[in-house]
């Protein structure tokens, strides 16, 4: 009897001291660099085609159910009709509830904010604006391959987010708009969007569309950030941003955008990996792990 009690006691200690899985920020940064190695990933480019193959291979390697949501849309910048692909990785979890994590994987076809006018028709590398959010999600996918998530996890990589003209908001977010109209493989209960989260000087304020439309989710995330002492998450209100999460909100899905819009290299040819850092990806990654797998 004493032996049995001792075994049960030790089991309780082991379970109660279990920690969430570790987010490998260096591995995440390697995923960022890998995407950039393909070159610009604007729709129709060779880089986009090669990167798409890598996404599919990588997610399948992690054991995800992979769905390629193909569609066509006009690129307002050029008037060209583009073939686009959303990449969906699905990990069944331990409950019927489904959490979506998402980011856009396409890059801007023109560096229209570059200080050098001669470079404004050059496609950008998109290290932060595109690759950073995807990099963090690929590391979450790797973790999910080793640690079954408590609930269903849907990782969505949007195409066609950055095909619009400046000041024409509705021309952006085409991939998330497509998914909101055709929700595969299933609807989700809530969503977290990552965009421009690799900035070496990362500071993520409270995005206003998120706070108004998903206040409970936003507060839970900031509470976890506070408990984990993630200093990149600022307790002040930033601007309202028209981003992919707006498409989800319009479809009735509570969605929060984690975005640092104060990035001087946005839509310029200088948006390269050296402007980003593993530590910034780690801040966001640890928040996601804490939210999905729980924090002590």
C-alpha atoms as a PDB file:
ATOM      1  CA  UNK A   1       0.000   0.000   0.000  1.00  0.00           C
ATOM      2  CA  UNK A   2       2.807   2.440   0.896  1.00  0.00           C
ATOM      3  CA  UNK A   3       4.542   1.627  -2.396  1.00  0.00           C
ATOM      4  CA  UNK A   4       1.323   2.298  -4.321  1.00  0.00           C
ATOM      5  CA  UNK A   5       0.825   5.621  -2.551  1.00  0.00           C
ATOM      6  CA  UNK A   6       4.429   6.572  -3.318  1.00  0.00           C
ATOM      7  CA  UNK A   7       3.984   5.738  -7.020  1.00  0.00           C
ATOM      8  CA  UNK A   8       0.786   7.757  -7.226  1.00  0.00           C
ATOM      9  CA  UNK A   9       2.442  10.667  -5.453  1.00  0.00           C
ATOM     10  CA  UNK A  10       5.395  10.639  -7.836  1.00  0.00           C
ATOM     11  CA  UNK A  11       3.022  10.462 -10.821  1.00  0.00           C
ATOM     12  CA  UNK A  12       1.114  13.494  -9.557  1.00  0.00           C
ATOM     13  CA  UNK A  13       4.339  15.448  -9.136  1.00  0.00           C
ATOM     14  CA  UNK A  14       5.428  14.549 -12.673  1.00  0.00           C
ATOM     15  CA  UNK A  15       2.109  15.593 -14.187  1.00  0.00           C
ATOM     16  CA  UNK A  16       1.778  18.793 -12.189  1.00  0.00           C
ATOM     17  CA  UNK A  17       5.286  19.919 -13.090  1.00  0.00           C
ATOM     18  CA  UNK A  18       4.841  19.295 -16.821  1.00  0.00           C
ATOM     19  CA  UNK A  19       5.899  22.287 -18.891  1.00  0.00           C
ATOM     20  CA  UNK A  20       4.621  23.403 -22.293  1.00  0.00           C
ATOM     21  CA  UNK A  21       6.844  22.333 -25.204  1.00  0.00           C
ATOM     22  CA  UNK A  22       9.754  24.601 -26.081  1.00  0.00           C
ATOM     23  CA  UNK A  23       9.616  26.976 -29.045  1.00  0.00           C
ATOM     24  CA  UNK A  24      12.947  26.882 -30.899  1.00  0.00           C
ATOM     25  CA  UNK A  25      13.495  30.461 -32.045  1.00  0.00           C
ATOM     26  CA  UNK A  26      16.647  29.579 -33.977  1.00  0.00           C
ATOM     27  CA  UNK A  27      14.774  26.931 -35.940  1.00  0.00           C
ATOM     28  CA  UNK A  28      12.016  29.452 -36.634  1.00  0.00           C
ATOM     29  CA  UNK A  29      14.593  31.920 -37.923  1.00  0.00           C
ATOM     30  CA  UNK A  30      16.004  29.209 -40.179  1.00  0.00           C
ATOM     31  CA  UNK A  31      12.512  28.860 -41.671  1.00  0.00           C
ATOM     32  CA  UNK A  32      12.505  32.626 -42.290  1.00  0.00           C
ATOM     33  CA  UNK A  33      15.853  32.448 -44.071  1.00  0.00           C
ATOM     34  CA  UNK A  34      14.737  29.425 -46.080  1.00  0.00           C
ATOM     35  CA  UNK A  35      11.742  31.296 -47.470  1.00  0.00           C
ATOM     36  CA  UNK A  36      13.925  34.236 -48.441  1.00  0.00           C
ATOM     37  CA  UNK A  37      16.377  31.888 -50.169  1.00  0.00           C
ATOM     38  CA  UNK A  38      13.717  31.295 -52.830  1.00  0.00           C
ATOM     39  CA  UNK A  39      13.801  35.004 -53.671  1.00  0.00           C
ATOM     40  CA  UNK A  40      10.686  37.189 -53.826  1.00  0.00           C
ATOM     41  CA  UNK A  41       7.476  35.130 -53.471  1.00  0.00           C
ATOM     42  CA  UNK A  42       5.040  37.454 -55.203  1.00  0.00           C
ATOM     43  CA  UNK A  43       2.273  35.572 -57.066  1.00  0.00           C
ATOM     44  CA  UNK A  44       3.427  34.219 -60.409  1.00  0.00           C
ATOM     45  CA  UNK A  45       7.124  34.355 -59.556  1.00  0.00           C
ATOM     46  CA  UNK A  46       9.501  31.401 -59.653  1.00  0.00           C
ATOM     47  CA  UNK A  47      10.193  31.984 -55.968  1.00  0.00           C
ATOM     48  CA  UNK A  48       6.506  31.573 -55.134  1.00  0.00           C
ATOM     49  CA  UNK A  49       6.275  28.323 -57.059  1.00  0.00           C
ATOM     50  CA  UNK A  50       9.308  26.796 -55.354  1.00  0.00           C
ATOM     51  CA  UNK A  51       8.333  28.029 -51.903  1.00  0.00           C
ATOM     52  CA  UNK A  52       4.829  26.577 -52.298  1.00  0.00           C
ATOM     53  CA  UNK A  53       6.322  23.131 -52.944  1.00  0.00           C
ATOM     54  CA  UNK A  54       8.492  23.493 -49.843  1.00  0.00           C
ATOM     55  CA  UNK A  55       5.517  24.462 -47.674  1.00  0.00           C
ATOM     56  CA  UNK A  56       3.570  21.414 -48.768  1.00  0.00           C
ATOM     57  CA  UNK A  57       6.525  19.063 -48.245  1.00  0.00           C
ATOM     58  CA  UNK A  58       7.375  20.548 -44.849  1.00  0.00           C
ATOM     59  CA  UNK A  59       3.834  20.423 -43.454  1.00  0.00           C
ATOM     60  CA  UNK A  60       3.370  16.848 -44.653  1.00  0.00           C
ATOM     61  CA  UNK A  61       6.664  15.925 -42.986  1.00  0.00           C
ATOM     62  CA  UNK A  62       5.222  17.281 -39.740  1.00  0.00           C
ATOM     63  CA  UNK A  63       2.200  15.003 -40.115  1.00  0.00           C
ATOM     64  CA  UNK A  64      -0.333  17.686 -40.988  1.00  0.00           C
ATOM     65  CA  UNK A  65      -3.337  17.049 -43.178  1.00  0.00           C
ATOM     66  CA  UNK A  66      -2.490  19.440 -46.012  1.00  0.00           C
ATOM     67  CA  UNK A  67      -5.043  21.256 -48.154  1.00  0.00           C
ATOM     68  CA  UNK A  68      -4.118  23.476 -51.102  1.00  0.00           C
ATOM     69  CA  UNK A  69      -6.900  25.976 -51.692  1.00  0.00           C
ATOM     70  CA  UNK A  70      -6.382  27.222 -55.245  1.00  0.00           C
ATOM     71  CA  UNK A  71      -8.166  30.241 -56.694  1.00  0.00           C
ATOM     72  CA  UNK A  72      -7.682  33.122 -59.101  1.00  0.00           C
ATOM     73  CA  UNK A  73      -7.774  36.863 -58.540  1.00  0.00           C
ATOM     74  CA  UNK A  74      -6.768  40.001 -60.365  1.00  0.00           C
ATOM     75  CA  UNK A  75      -3.607  41.684 -59.155  1.00  0.00           C
ATOM     76  CA  UNK A  76      -4.672  45.315 -58.884  1.00  0.00           C
ATOM     77  CA  UNK A  77      -1.079  46.522 -59.124  1.00  0.00           C
ATOM     78  CA  UNK A  78      -0.689  45.083 -62.629  1.00  0.00           C
ATOM     79  CA  UNK A  79      -4.165  44.110 -63.851  1.00  0.00           C
ATOM     80  CA  UNK A  80      -2.899  40.541 -64.359  1.00  0.00           C
ATOM     81  CA  UNK A  81      -5.055  37.591 -63.306  1.00  0.00           C
ATOM     82  CA  UNK A  82      -3.030  35.465 -60.880  1.00  0.00           C
ATOM     83  CA  UNK A  83      -3.326  31.867 -59.788  1.00  0.00           C
ATOM     84  CA  UNK A  84      -3.094  31.815 -56.005  1.00  0.00           C
ATOM     85  CA  UNK A  85      -2.844  29.098 -53.371  1.00  0.00           C
ATOM     86  CA  UNK A  86      -3.677  29.100 -49.677  1.00  0.00           C
ATOM     87  CA  UNK A  87      -1.798  26.392 -47.790  1.00  0.00           C
ATOM     88  CA  UNK A  88      -3.713  24.782 -44.929  1.00  0.00           C
ATOM     89  CA  UNK A  89      -2.127  22.435 -42.400  1.00  0.00           C
ATOM     90  CA  UNK A  90      -4.534  20.680 -40.042  1.00  0.00           C
ATOM     91  CA  UNK A  91      -3.582  18.907 -36.797  1.00  0.00           C
ATOM     92  CA  UNK A  92      -6.414  17.040 -35.041  1.00  0.00           C
ATOM     93  CA  UNK A  93      -6.462  17.742 -31.320  1.00  0.00           C
ATOM     94  CA  UNK A  94      -8.077  16.517 -28.161  1.00  0.00           C
ATOM     95  CA  UNK A  95     -11.391  18.370 -28.436  1.00  0.00           C
ATOM     96  CA  UNK A  96     -13.942  19.524 -30.988  1.00  0.00           C
ATOM     97  CA  UNK A  97     -12.817  23.167 -30.703  1.00  0.00           C
ATOM     98  CA  UNK A  98     -10.575  24.496 -33.480  1.00  0.00           C
ATOM     99  CA  UNK A  99      -7.986  27.261 -33.252  1.00  0.00           C
ATOM    100  CA  UNK A 100      -6.648  28.892 -36.410  1.00  0.00           C
ATOM    101  CA  UNK A 101      -3.144  30.350 -36.577  1.00  0.00           C
ATOM    102  CA  UNK A 102      -2.446  32.216 -39.786  1.00  0.00           C
ATOM    103  CA  UNK A 103      -0.033  34.445 -41.700  1.00  0.00           C
ATOM    104  CA  UNK A 104       0.417  35.502 -45.325  1.00  0.00           C
ATOM    105  CA  UNK A 105       3.204  33.911 -47.328  1.00  0.00           C
ATOM    106  CA  UNK A 106       3.187  36.058 -50.469  1.00  0.00           C
ATOM    107  CA  UNK A 107       5.467  39.077 -50.833  1.00  0.00           C
ATOM    108  CA  UNK A 108       4.996  42.484 -52.409  1.00  0.00           C
ATOM    109  CA  UNK A 109       5.566  42.625 -56.177  1.00  0.00           C
ATOM    110  CA  UNK A 110       6.773  46.219 -55.985  1.00  0.00           C
ATOM    111  CA  UNK A 111       8.915  48.036 -53.418  1.00  0.00           C
ATOM    112  CA  UNK A 112       6.599  51.015 -53.766  1.00  0.00           C
ATOM    113  CA  UNK A 113       7.744  52.631 -50.485  1.00  0.00           C
ATOM    114  CA  UNK A 114      11.463  52.395 -51.209  1.00  0.00           C
ATOM    115  CA  UNK A 115      13.253  55.744 -50.756  1.00  0.00           C
ATOM    116  CA  UNK A 116      14.969  55.212 -54.113  1.00  0.00           C
ATOM    117  CA  UNK A 117      12.425  55.822 -56.925  1.00  0.00           C
ATOM    118  CA  UNK A 118      14.435  53.621 -59.290  1.00  0.00           C
ATOM    119  CA  UNK A 119      13.866  50.609 -57.043  1.00  0.00           C
ATOM    120  CA  UNK A 120      10.116  50.958 -56.557  1.00  0.00           C
ATOM    121  CA  UNK A 121       9.237  48.418 -59.248  1.00  0.00           C
ATOM    122  CA  UNK A 122      11.517  45.767 -57.703  1.00  0.00           C
ATOM    123  CA  UNK A 123       9.915  42.799 -55.880  1.00  0.00           C
ATOM    124  CA  UNK A 124      10.798  42.662 -52.186  1.00  0.00           C
ATOM    125  CA  UNK A 125      12.424  39.834 -50.227  1.00  0.00           C
ATOM    126  CA  UNK A 126       9.710  40.061 -47.566  1.00  0.00           C
ATOM    127  CA  UNK A 127      11.728  38.772 -44.631  1.00  0.00           C
ATOM    128  CA  UNK A 128       9.501  40.477 -42.090  1.00  0.00           C
ATOM    129  CA  UNK A 129       6.438  41.213 -44.230  1.00  0.00           C
ATOM    130  CA  UNK A 130       5.519  37.652 -45.020  1.00  0.00           C
ATOM    131  CA  UNK A 131       8.266  35.255 -43.997  1.00  0.00           C
ATOM    132  CA  UNK A 132       8.364  36.077 -40.267  1.00  0.00           C
ATOM    133  CA  UNK A 133       4.803  35.065 -39.434  1.00  0.00           C
ATOM    134  CA  UNK A 134       5.046  31.931 -41.551  1.00  0.00           C
ATOM    135  CA  UNK A 135       8.347  31.005 -39.903  1.00  0.00           C
ATOM    136  CA  UNK A 136       6.796  31.091 -36.430  1.00  0.00           C
ATOM    137  CA  UNK A 137       3.858  28.983 -37.625  1.00  0.00           C
ATOM    138  CA  UNK A 138       6.113  26.354 -39.181  1.00  0.00           C
ATOM    139  CA  UNK A 139       7.865  25.982 -35.836  1.00  0.00           C
ATOM    140  CA  UNK A 140       4.440  25.613 -34.165  1.00  0.00           C
ATOM    141  CA  UNK A 141       3.659  22.922 -36.758  1.00  0.00           C
ATOM    142  CA  UNK A 142       6.885  21.111 -35.859  1.00  0.00           C
ATOM    143  CA  UNK A 143       5.911  21.223 -32.186  1.00  0.00           C
ATOM    144  CA  UNK A 144       2.414  19.944 -32.995  1.00  0.00           C
ATOM    145  CA  UNK A 145       3.992  16.968 -34.761  1.00  0.00           C
ATOM    146  CA  UNK A 146       5.597  15.960 -31.449  1.00  0.00           C
ATOM    147  CA  UNK A 147       2.997  17.207 -28.947  1.00  0.00           C
ATOM    148  CA  UNK A 148      -0.639  16.661 -29.843  1.00  0.00           C
ATOM    149  CA  UNK A 149      -2.470  19.970 -29.345  1.00  0.00           C
ATOM    150  CA  UNK A 150      -5.277  19.972 -26.763  1.00  0.00           C
ATOM    151  CA  UNK A 151      -7.722  21.063 -29.463  1.00  0.00           C
ATOM    152  CA  UNK A 152      -7.758  21.030 -33.249  1.00  0.00           C
ATOM    153  CA  UNK A 153      -5.119  23.285 -34.754  1.00  0.00           C
ATOM    154  CA  UNK A 154      -5.482  24.773 -38.230  1.00  0.00           C
ATOM    155  CA  UNK A 155      -2.439  26.570 -39.625  1.00  0.00           C
ATOM    156  CA  UNK A 156      -3.285  28.720 -42.640  1.00  0.00           C
ATOM    157  CA  UNK A 157      -0.751  30.386 -44.927  1.00  0.00           C
ATOM    158  CA  UNK A 158      -2.529  33.014 -47.023  1.00  0.00           C
ATOM    159  CA  UNK A 159      -1.644  33.900 -50.581  1.00  0.00           C
ATOM    160  CA  UNK A 160      -2.569  37.185 -52.243  1.00  0.00           C
ATOM    161  CA  UNK A 161      -2.446  39.334 -49.125  1.00  0.00           C
ATOM    162  CA  UNK A 162      -0.173  41.993 -50.603  1.00  0.00           C
ATOM    163  CA  UNK A 163      -1.481  42.417 -54.160  1.00  0.00           C
ATOM    164  CA  UNK A 164      -3.347  45.682 -53.591  1.00  0.00           C
ATOM    165  CA  UNK A 165      -2.644  49.305 -54.352  1.00  0.00           C
ATOM    166  CA  UNK A 166      -1.847  51.679 -51.518  1.00  0.00           C
ATOM    167  CA  UNK A 167      -4.985  53.245 -50.000  1.00  0.00           C
ATOM    168  CA  UNK A 168      -7.276  50.585 -51.535  1.00  0.00           C
ATOM    169  CA  UNK A 169      -7.796  48.310 -48.538  1.00  0.00           C
ATOM    170  CA  UNK A 170     -10.274  45.951 -50.184  1.00  0.00           C
ATOM    171  CA  UNK A 171      -7.641  44.918 -52.740  1.00  0.00           C
ATOM    172  CA  UNK A 172      -5.615  43.292 -49.960  1.00  0.00           C
ATOM    173  CA  UNK A 173      -6.195  40.069 -48.025  1.00  0.00           C
ATOM    174  CA  UNK A 174      -7.430  38.012 -50.956  1.00  0.00           C
ATOM    175  CA  UNK A 175      -6.363  34.641 -49.578  1.00  0.00           C
ATOM    176  CA  UNK A 176      -8.134  35.088 -46.258  1.00  0.00           C
ATOM    177  CA  UNK A 177     -11.167  36.441 -48.111  1.00  0.00           C
ATOM    178  CA  UNK A 178     -11.257  33.263 -50.204  1.00  0.00           C
ATOM    179  CA  UNK A 179     -10.984  31.024 -47.151  1.00  0.00           C
ATOM    180  CA  UNK A 180     -13.667  32.963 -45.259  1.00  0.00           C
ATOM    181  CA  UNK A 181     -16.056  32.193 -48.123  1.00  0.00           C
ATOM    182  CA  UNK A 182     -14.981  28.533 -48.378  1.00  0.00           C
ATOM    183  CA  UNK A 183     -13.820  27.328 -44.959  1.00  0.00           C
ATOM    184  CA  UNK A 184     -11.747  24.170 -45.393  1.00  0.00           C
ATOM    185  CA  UNK A 185     -11.369  21.661 -43.892  1.00  0.00           C
ATOM    186  CA  UNK A 186     -13.754  23.003 -41.230  1.00  0.00           C
ATOM    187  CA  UNK A 187     -14.881  26.249 -39.576  1.00  0.00           C
ATOM    188  CA  UNK A 188     -12.795  27.552 -36.675  1.00  0.00           C
ATOM    189  CA  UNK A 189     -13.741  28.983 -33.290  1.00  0.00           C
ATOM    190  CA  UNK A 190     -11.112  31.725 -33.138  1.00  0.00           C
ATOM    191  CA  UNK A 191      -8.031  32.897 -34.964  1.00  0.00           C
ATOM    192  CA  UNK A 192      -4.665  34.523 -34.304  1.00  0.00           C
ATOM    193  CA  UNK A 193      -2.948  36.303 -37.186  1.00  0.00           C
ATOM    194  CA  UNK A 194       0.802  36.939 -37.281  1.00  0.00           C
ATOM    195  CA  UNK A 195       2.117  39.731 -39.493  1.00  0.00           C
ATOM    196  CA  UNK A 196       5.500  41.479 -39.387  1.00  0.00           C
ATOM    197  CA  UNK A 197       6.558  39.859 -36.111  1.00  0.00           C
ATOM    198  CA  UNK A 198      10.262  39.432 -36.934  1.00  0.00           C
ATOM    199  CA  UNK A 199      11.433  43.031 -36.536  1.00  0.00           C
ATOM    200  CA  UNK A 200      14.654  43.053 -34.498  1.00  0.00           C
ATOM    201  CA  UNK A 201      13.167  45.918 -32.467  1.00  0.00           C
ATOM    202  CA  UNK A 202       9.821  44.228 -31.972  1.00  0.00           C
ATOM    203  CA  UNK A 203       6.987  46.037 -30.213  1.00  0.00           C
ATOM    204  CA  UNK A 204       3.436  44.745 -30.642  1.00  0.00           C
ATOM    205  CA  UNK A 205       0.738  47.137 -29.460  1.00  0.00           C
ATOM    206  CA  UNK A 206      -2.964  46.330 -29.126  1.00  0.00           C
ATOM    207  CA  UNK A 207      -4.460  46.423 -32.620  1.00  0.00           C
ATOM    208  CA  UNK A 208      -7.839  48.150 -32.488  1.00  0.00           C
ATOM    209  CA  UNK A 209      -9.916  45.898 -34.779  1.00  0.00           C
ATOM    210  CA  UNK A 210      -8.760  42.969 -32.655  1.00  0.00           C
ATOM    211  CA  UNK A 211      -9.602  44.648 -29.372  1.00  0.00           C
ATOM    212  CA  UNK A 212     -13.081  45.689 -30.500  1.00  0.00           C
ATOM    213  CA  UNK A 213     -14.085  42.420 -32.168  1.00  0.00           C
ATOM    214  CA  UNK A 214     -12.242  39.802 -30.080  1.00  0.00           C
ATOM    215  CA  UNK A 215     -11.694  41.454 -26.679  1.00  0.00           C
ATOM    216  CA  UNK A 216     -11.667  38.232 -24.645  1.00  0.00           C
ATOM    217  CA  UNK A 217      -9.090  36.543 -26.867  1.00  0.00           C
ATOM    218  CA  UNK A 218      -6.958  39.685 -26.987  1.00  0.00           C
ATOM    219  CA  UNK A 219      -6.948  40.006 -23.199  1.00  0.00           C
ATOM    220  CA  UNK A 220      -6.073  36.321 -22.715  1.00  0.00           C
ATOM    221  CA  UNK A 221      -3.085  36.662 -25.010  1.00  0.00           C
ATOM    222  CA  UNK A 222      -1.781  39.788 -23.301  1.00  0.00           C
ATOM    223  CA  UNK A 223      -2.282  38.143 -19.906  1.00  0.00           C
ATOM    224  CA  UNK A 224      -0.107  35.215 -20.994  1.00  0.00           C
ATOM    225  CA  UNK A 225       2.491  37.610 -22.388  1.00  0.00           C
ATOM    226  CA  UNK A 226       2.586  39.340 -19.006  1.00  0.00           C
ATOM    227  CA  UNK A 227       2.965  36.053 -17.108  1.00  0.00           C
ATOM    228  CA  UNK A 228       5.770  34.961 -19.421  1.00  0.00           C
ATOM    229  CA  UNK A 229       7.428  38.396 -19.249  1.00  0.00           C
ATOM    230  CA  UNK A 230       7.311  38.825 -23.020  1.00  0.00           C
ATOM    231  CA  UNK A 231       8.340  42.450 -23.251  1.00  0.00           C
ATOM    232  CA  UNK A 232       7.523  42.847 -26.967  1.00  0.00           C
ATOM    233  CA  UNK A 233       3.804  43.013 -26.127  1.00  0.00           C
ATOM    234  CA  UNK A 234       2.932  46.615 -25.330  1.00  0.00           C
ATOM    235  CA  UNK A 235       0.010  47.583 -23.124  1.00  0.00           C
ATOM    236  CA  UNK A 236      -1.077  50.495 -25.289  1.00  0.00           C
ATOM    237  CA  UNK A 237      -3.346  50.905 -28.300  1.00  0.00           C
ATOM    238  CA  UNK A 238      -1.835  50.919 -31.738  1.00  0.00           C
ATOM    239  CA  UNK A 239      -3.528  51.763 -35.033  1.00  0.00           C
ATOM    240  CA  UNK A 240      -6.467  49.958 -36.601  1.00  0.00           C
ATOM    241  CA  UNK A 241      -4.972  47.813 -39.341  1.00  0.00           C
ATOM    242  CA  UNK A 242      -6.827  46.344 -42.323  1.00  0.00           C
ATOM    243  CA  UNK A 243      -5.237  42.923 -42.371  1.00  0.00           C
ATOM    244  CA  UNK A 244      -6.277  39.320 -42.966  1.00  0.00           C
ATOM    245  CA  UNK A 245      -7.983  39.161 -39.567  1.00  0.00           C
ATOM    246  CA  UNK A 246     -10.616  41.635 -40.807  1.00  0.00           C
ATOM    247  CA  UNK A 247     -11.731  39.078 -43.409  1.00  0.00           C
ATOM    248  CA  UNK A 248     -12.154  36.528 -40.607  1.00  0.00           C
ATOM    249  CA  UNK A 249     -13.955  38.967 -38.326  1.00  0.00           C
ATOM    250  CA  UNK A 250     -16.420  39.692 -41.120  1.00  0.00           C
ATOM    251  CA  UNK A 251     -17.105  35.950 -41.292  1.00  0.00           C
ATOM    252  CA  UNK A 252     -18.000  35.948 -37.590  1.00  0.00           C
ATOM    253  CA  UNK A 253     -14.705  34.561 -36.294  1.00  0.00           C
ATOM    254  CA  UNK A 254     -13.076  36.248 -33.264  1.00  0.00           C
ATOM    255  CA  UNK A 255      -9.612  37.129 -34.561  1.00  0.00           C
ATOM    256  CA  UNK A 256      -6.601  38.976 -33.163  1.00  0.00           C
ATOM    257  CA  UNK A 257      -3.785  40.469 -35.233  1.00  0.00           C
ATOM    258  CA  UNK A 258      -0.298  40.401 -33.707  1.00  0.00           C
ATOM    259  CA  UNK A 259       1.513  43.021 -35.758  1.00  0.00           C
ATOM    260  CA  UNK A 260       4.337  45.529 -35.361  1.00  0.00           C
ATOM    261  CA  UNK A 261       3.479  48.078 -38.016  1.00  0.00           C
ATOM    262  CA  UNK A 262       6.317  50.406 -36.993  1.00  0.00           C
ATOM    263  CA  UNK A 263       8.854  48.944 -39.409  1.00  0.00           C
ATOM    264  CA  UNK A 264      10.919  51.373 -41.516  1.00  0.00           C
ATOM    265  CA  UNK A 265      11.709  48.758 -44.189  1.00  0.00           C
ATOM    266  CA  UNK A 266       8.068  47.953 -44.987  1.00  0.00           C
ATOM    267  CA  UNK A 267       7.523  47.556 -48.740  1.00  0.00           C
ATOM    268  CA  UNK A 268      11.148  48.370 -49.518  1.00  0.00           C
ATOM    269  CA  UNK A 269      13.968  46.241 -50.893  1.00  0.00           C
ATOM    270  CA  UNK A 270      15.610  46.463 -47.458  1.00  0.00           C
ATOM    271  CA  UNK A 271      13.072  44.080 -45.870  1.00  0.00           C
ATOM    272  CA  UNK A 272      15.741  41.391 -45.540  1.00  0.00           C
ATOM    273  CA  UNK A 273      16.643  38.786 -42.874  1.00  0.00           C
ATOM    274  CA  UNK A 274      19.301  40.998 -41.261  1.00  0.00           C
ATOM    275  CA  UNK A 275      16.506  43.344 -40.111  1.00  0.00           C
ATOM    276  CA  UNK A 276      14.875  40.469 -38.213  1.00  0.00           C
ATOM    277  CA  UNK A 277      15.904  38.420 -35.180  1.00  0.00           C
ATOM    278  CA  UNK A 278      15.331  34.955 -33.698  1.00  0.00           C
ATOM    279  CA  UNK A 279      14.519  36.611 -30.359  1.00  0.00           C
ATOM    280  CA  UNK A 280      11.520  38.420 -31.842  1.00  0.00           C
ATOM    281  CA  UNK A 281      10.166  35.201 -33.340  1.00  0.00           C
ATOM    282  CA  UNK A 282      10.751  33.571 -29.962  1.00  0.00           C
ATOM    283  CA  UNK A 283       8.644  36.164 -28.133  1.00  0.00           C
ATOM    284  CA  UNK A 284       5.641  35.476 -30.358  1.00  0.00           C
ATOM    285  CA  UNK A 285       6.295  31.744 -30.485  1.00  0.00           C
ATOM    286  CA  UNK A 286       6.377  31.375 -26.711  1.00  0.00           C
ATOM    287  CA  UNK A 287       3.100  33.254 -26.479  1.00  0.00           C
ATOM    288  CA  UNK A 288       1.461  30.854 -28.947  1.00  0.00           C
ATOM    289  CA  UNK A 289       2.852  27.796 -27.191  1.00  0.00           C
ATOM    290  CA  UNK A 290       1.622  29.163 -23.887  1.00  0.00           C
ATOM    291  CA  UNK A 291      -1.838  29.738 -25.304  1.00  0.00           C
ATOM    292  CA  UNK A 292      -2.136  26.373 -27.049  1.00  0.00           C
ATOM    293  CA  UNK A 293      -0.471  24.028 -24.586  1.00  0.00           C
ATOM    294  CA  UNK A 294      -1.001  26.051 -21.416  1.00  0.00           C
ATOM    295  CA  UNK A 295       1.370  27.819 -19.048  1.00  0.00           C
ATOM    296  CA  UNK A 296       2.152  26.982 -15.470  1.00  0.00           C
END
